[in-house]
Amino acid sequence: MDPENIYRFTALALLASSMSISIYYRHRANRTNEPINTQEEGRLILNVRRVAGLLIWLSALLYLVNPRWMAWSSLELPAGLRWIGAAVMLVCVPLVYWVFSSLGMNVTPTVVTRRAHTLVTRGPYRWVRHPLYSVGLLMFLGFALLSANWMIFLAILLAFPALVLRTPLEEARLIDRFGDEYRAYMQRTGRYFPRLRSR
């Protein structure tokens, strides 16, 4: 078998595993039919997120269907580095489950909280306030390595700053909702990665 097809089928299996978890929990949370206003994060952040998301998913889809369609943006990476990308994606699959199963019915596509929103401080949220962003970034960095494609790297570089700009808005909504409880939670957790504690 062509080595590129082995990379492609590995990427497909790992990405499909993570996406099925995400789709399940998002669908479950949306069954409440509660209207969620996606415009509250602001037009600029929303549009940058949409453009970056379109670039990531379109590039990924084109690579997965036929790698030759993305040959114009391919990188010459050693096989070992590509398999490191696969290993990163593999580690991310149970992390995606851990994040979504901990978040439960609180999943939303934007900064708005649900009417029955609860403050989640279990699972990965015990140490990190936004582990979904961190795990998503790692998953797509792994995919970019496995696919050896600079276009996917570029799309990630565009998407992550939009999430960084969005995060304070999300945290402001959570402070409005949970007040001092959320402020105390912020003091003991890291934003995207666990906080390093000084001795």
Protein backbone atom coordinates (compact mmCIF):
# COMPACT_ATOMS: atom_id res chain seq x y z
CA MET A 1 0.00 0.00 0.00
CA ASP A 2 1.10 3.56 -0.76
CA PRO A 3 2.54 5.08 2.47
CA GLU A 4 0.45 8.22 1.91
CA ASN A 5 -2.70 6.11 2.02
CA ILE A 6 -1.58 4.61 5.34
CA TYR A 7 -1.16 8.14 6.75
CA ARG A 8 -4.50 9.17 5.27
CA PHE A 9 -6.48 6.22 6.66
CA THR A 10 -4.83 6.67 10.07
CA ALA A 11 -5.78 10.36 10.08
CA LEU A 12 -9.32 9.53 8.99
CA ALA A 13 -9.80 6.95 11.76
CA LEU A 14 -8.46 9.25 14.48
CA LEU A 15 -10.30 12.35 13.30
CA ALA A 16 -13.56 10.42 12.87
CA SER A 17 -13.23 9.02 16.41
CA SER A 18 -12.86 12.49 17.90
CA MET A 19 -15.57 14.01 15.74
CA SER A 20 -18.07 11.30 16.64
CA ILE A 21 -17.55 12.09 20.34
CA SER A 22 -17.96 15.82 19.71
CA ILE A 23 -21.08 15.37 17.55
CA TYR A 24 -22.70 13.06 20.10
CA TYR A 25 -22.27 15.45 23.04
CA ARG A 26 -23.16 18.57 21.02
CA HIS A 27 -26.31 16.91 19.67
CA ARG A 28 -27.25 15.75 23.16
CA ALA A 29 -26.88 19.26 24.58
CA ASN A 30 -28.82 20.81 21.67
CA ARG A 31 -31.84 18.53 22.19
CA THR A 32 -33.12 21.07 24.71
CA ASN A 33 -33.95 23.31 21.69
CA GLU A 34 -32.78 26.30 23.71
CA PRO A 35 -31.99 29.20 21.34
CA ILE A 36 -28.28 30.10 21.44
CA ASN A 37 -27.23 33.50 20.07
CA THR A 38 -23.95 32.97 18.22
CA GLN A 39 -23.59 36.71 17.56
CA GLU A 40 -22.65 37.56 21.15
CA GLU A 41 -18.96 36.91 20.63
CA GLY A 42 -18.82 39.76 18.09
CA ARG A 43 -18.78 39.78 14.33
CA LEU A 44 -14.97 39.97 13.97
CA ILE A 45 -14.23 36.95 16.18
CA LEU A 46 -17.13 34.99 14.72
CA ASN A 47 -16.03 35.66 11.13
CA VAL A 48 -12.35 34.88 11.79
CA ARG A 49 -13.42 31.63 13.48
CA ARG A 50 -15.64 30.75 10.53
CA VAL A 51 -12.95 31.46 7.93
CA ALA A 52 -10.30 29.56 9.88
CA GLY A 53 -12.69 26.67 10.53
CA LEU A 54 -13.59 26.51 6.85
CA LEU A 55 -9.90 26.45 5.87
CA ILE A 56 -9.10 23.72 8.41
CA TRP A 57 -12.04 21.48 7.54
CA LEU A 58 -11.84 22.02 3.79
CA SER A 59 -8.09 21.30 3.77
CA ALA A 60 -8.62 18.23 5.96
CA LEU A 61 -11.46 16.94 3.80
CA LEU A 62 -9.53 17.43 0.57
CA TYR A 63 -6.51 15.61 2.03
CA LEU A 64 -8.64 12.75 3.35
CA VAL A 65 -10.51 12.28 0.06
CA ASN A 66 -7.46 12.57 -2.18
CA PRO A 67 -4.03 13.69 -0.88
CA ARG A 68 -3.02 14.77 -4.41
CA TRP A 69 -5.55 17.61 -4.19
CA MET A 70 -3.46 19.11 -1.37
CA ALA A 71 -0.06 18.29 -2.89
CA TRP A 72 0.54 22.01 -3.60
CA SER A 73 0.82 22.64 0.16
CA SER A 74 2.55 19.42 1.21
CA LEU A 75 5.73 19.40 3.28
CA GLU A 76 8.64 16.99 3.07
CA LEU A 77 8.53 15.56 6.60
CA PRO A 78 10.32 12.41 7.78
CA ALA A 79 8.09 9.43 8.49
CA GLY A 80 8.99 9.54 12.19
CA LEU A 81 7.65 13.07 12.54
CA ARG A 82 4.44 12.13 10.75
CA TRP A 83 3.92 9.21 13.10
CA ILE A 84 4.49 11.54 16.05
CA GLY A 85 1.53 13.50 14.65
CA ALA A 86 -0.50 10.27 14.66
CA ALA A 87 0.53 9.59 18.27
CA VAL A 88 -0.58 13.10 19.30
CA MET A 89 -3.95 12.53 17.63
CA LEU A 90 -4.29 9.13 19.31
CA VAL A 91 -3.67 10.66 22.75
CA CYS A 92 -6.24 13.36 21.97
CA VAL A 93 -9.11 10.91 21.32
CA PRO A 94 -9.60 9.89 25.00
CA LEU A 95 -8.91 13.51 26.01
CA VAL A 96 -11.76 14.67 23.75
CA TYR A 97 -14.05 12.16 25.47
CA TRP A 98 -12.84 13.29 28.92
CA VAL A 99 -13.52 16.95 28.09
CA PHE A 100 -16.99 16.42 26.59
CA SER A 101 -18.15 13.89 29.18
CA SER A 102 -17.07 16.30 31.94
CA LEU A 103 -18.80 19.26 30.25
CA GLY A 104 -22.00 17.28 29.68
CA MET A 105 -25.08 19.39 28.86
CA ASN A 106 -23.12 22.66 29.16
CA VAL A 107 -21.72 22.41 25.61
CA THR A 108 -22.50 25.46 23.46
CA PRO A 109 -21.10 26.64 20.11
CA THR A 110 -20.42 30.15 21.44
CA VAL A 111 -19.74 32.24 24.57
CA VAL A 112 -23.38 32.13 25.74
CA THR A 113 -24.23 29.99 28.77
CA ARG A 114 -27.33 27.81 28.83
CA ARG A 115 -30.25 28.47 31.20
CA ALA A 116 -29.39 25.35 33.21
CA HIS A 117 -25.62 25.92 32.93
CA THR A 118 -23.53 24.59 35.79
CA LEU A 119 -19.95 25.43 36.71
CA VAL A 120 -17.88 22.39 35.77
CA THR A 121 -14.75 21.91 37.89
CA ARG A 122 -14.31 18.14 37.50
CA GLY A 123 -12.30 16.10 35.02
CA PRO A 124 -9.81 18.24 33.07
CA TYR A 125 -11.68 21.34 34.26
CA ARG A 126 -10.16 20.75 37.66
CA TRP A 127 -6.87 22.11 36.27
CA VAL A 128 -7.74 23.96 33.03
CA ARG A 129 -10.62 26.34 32.30
CA HIS A 130 -10.69 25.75 28.52
CA PRO A 131 -9.37 22.25 27.86
CA LEU A 132 -11.54 21.88 24.75
CA TYR A 133 -9.50 24.60 23.01
CA SER A 134 -6.22 23.02 24.13
CA VAL A 135 -7.15 19.50 23.05
CA GLY A 136 -8.60 20.78 19.75
CA LEU A 137 -5.37 22.64 19.02
CA LEU A 138 -3.27 19.55 19.80
CA MET A 139 -5.53 17.34 17.68
CA PHE A 140 -5.18 19.55 14.61
CA LEU A 141 -1.46 20.09 15.13
CA GLY A 142 -1.16 16.32 15.15
CA PHE A 143 -3.26 16.15 12.00
CA ALA A 144 -1.09 18.79 10.31
CA LEU A 145 2.02 16.73 11.09
CA LEU A 146 0.45 13.45 10.00
CA SER A 147 -0.80 14.97 6.74
CA ALA A 148 2.48 16.92 6.31
CA ASN A 149 0.56 19.96 5.12
CA TRP A 150 1.48 23.61 5.72
CA MET A 151 -2.01 24.85 4.77
CA ILE A 152 -3.48 23.10 7.79
CA PHE A 153 -0.74 24.63 9.99
CA LEU A 154 -1.61 28.06 8.58
CA ALA A 155 -5.34 27.60 9.25
CA ILE A 156 -4.56 26.62 12.86
CA LEU A 157 -2.42 29.75 13.24
CA LEU A 158 -5.43 31.77 12.12
CA ALA A 159 -7.98 29.94 14.29
CA PHE A 160 -6.18 29.93 17.64
CA PRO A 161 -5.83 33.75 17.99
CA ALA A 162 -9.60 34.01 17.40
CA LEU A 163 -10.15 31.62 20.30
CA VAL A 164 -7.69 33.59 22.43
CA LEU A 165 -9.70 36.77 21.72
CA ARG A 166 -12.95 34.93 22.42
CA THR A 167 -11.85 33.49 25.77
CA PRO A 168 -12.14 36.71 27.85
CA LEU A 169 -15.70 37.20 26.53
CA GLU A 170 -16.58 33.65 27.54
CA GLU A 171 -15.04 34.13 30.96
CA ALA A 172 -16.90 37.43 31.43
CA ARG A 173 -20.19 35.59 30.80
CA LEU A 174 -19.20 32.95 33.33
CA ILE A 175 -18.31 35.62 35.90
CA ASP A 176 -21.72 37.23 35.30
CA ARG A 177 -23.33 33.84 35.88
CA PHE A 178 -21.27 32.44 38.76
CA GLY A 179 -19.64 35.54 40.29
CA ASP A 180 -17.04 34.97 43.01
CA GLU A 181 -17.24 31.20 42.57
CA TYR A 182 -15.87 31.57 39.04
CA ARG A 183 -13.29 34.19 40.12
CA ALA A 184 -11.97 31.76 42.74
CA TYR A 185 -11.92 29.01 40.11
CA MET A 186 -9.85 31.28 37.83
CA GLN A 187 -7.31 31.77 40.62
CA ARG A 188 -6.59 28.06 40.95
CA THR A 189 -6.64 26.97 37.29
CA GLY A 190 -4.76 27.74 34.09
CA ARG A 191 -6.56 29.11 31.06
CA TYR A 192 -5.40 26.60 28.42
CA PHE A 193 -2.82 24.54 30.27
CA PRO A 194 -2.47 23.58 33.95
CA ARG A 195 -1.06 26.35 36.08
CA LEU A 196 2.53 25.89 37.22
CA ARG A 197 2.58 26.22 40.97
CA SER A 198 5.57 27.85 42.60
CA ARG A 199 6.99 26.22 45.69
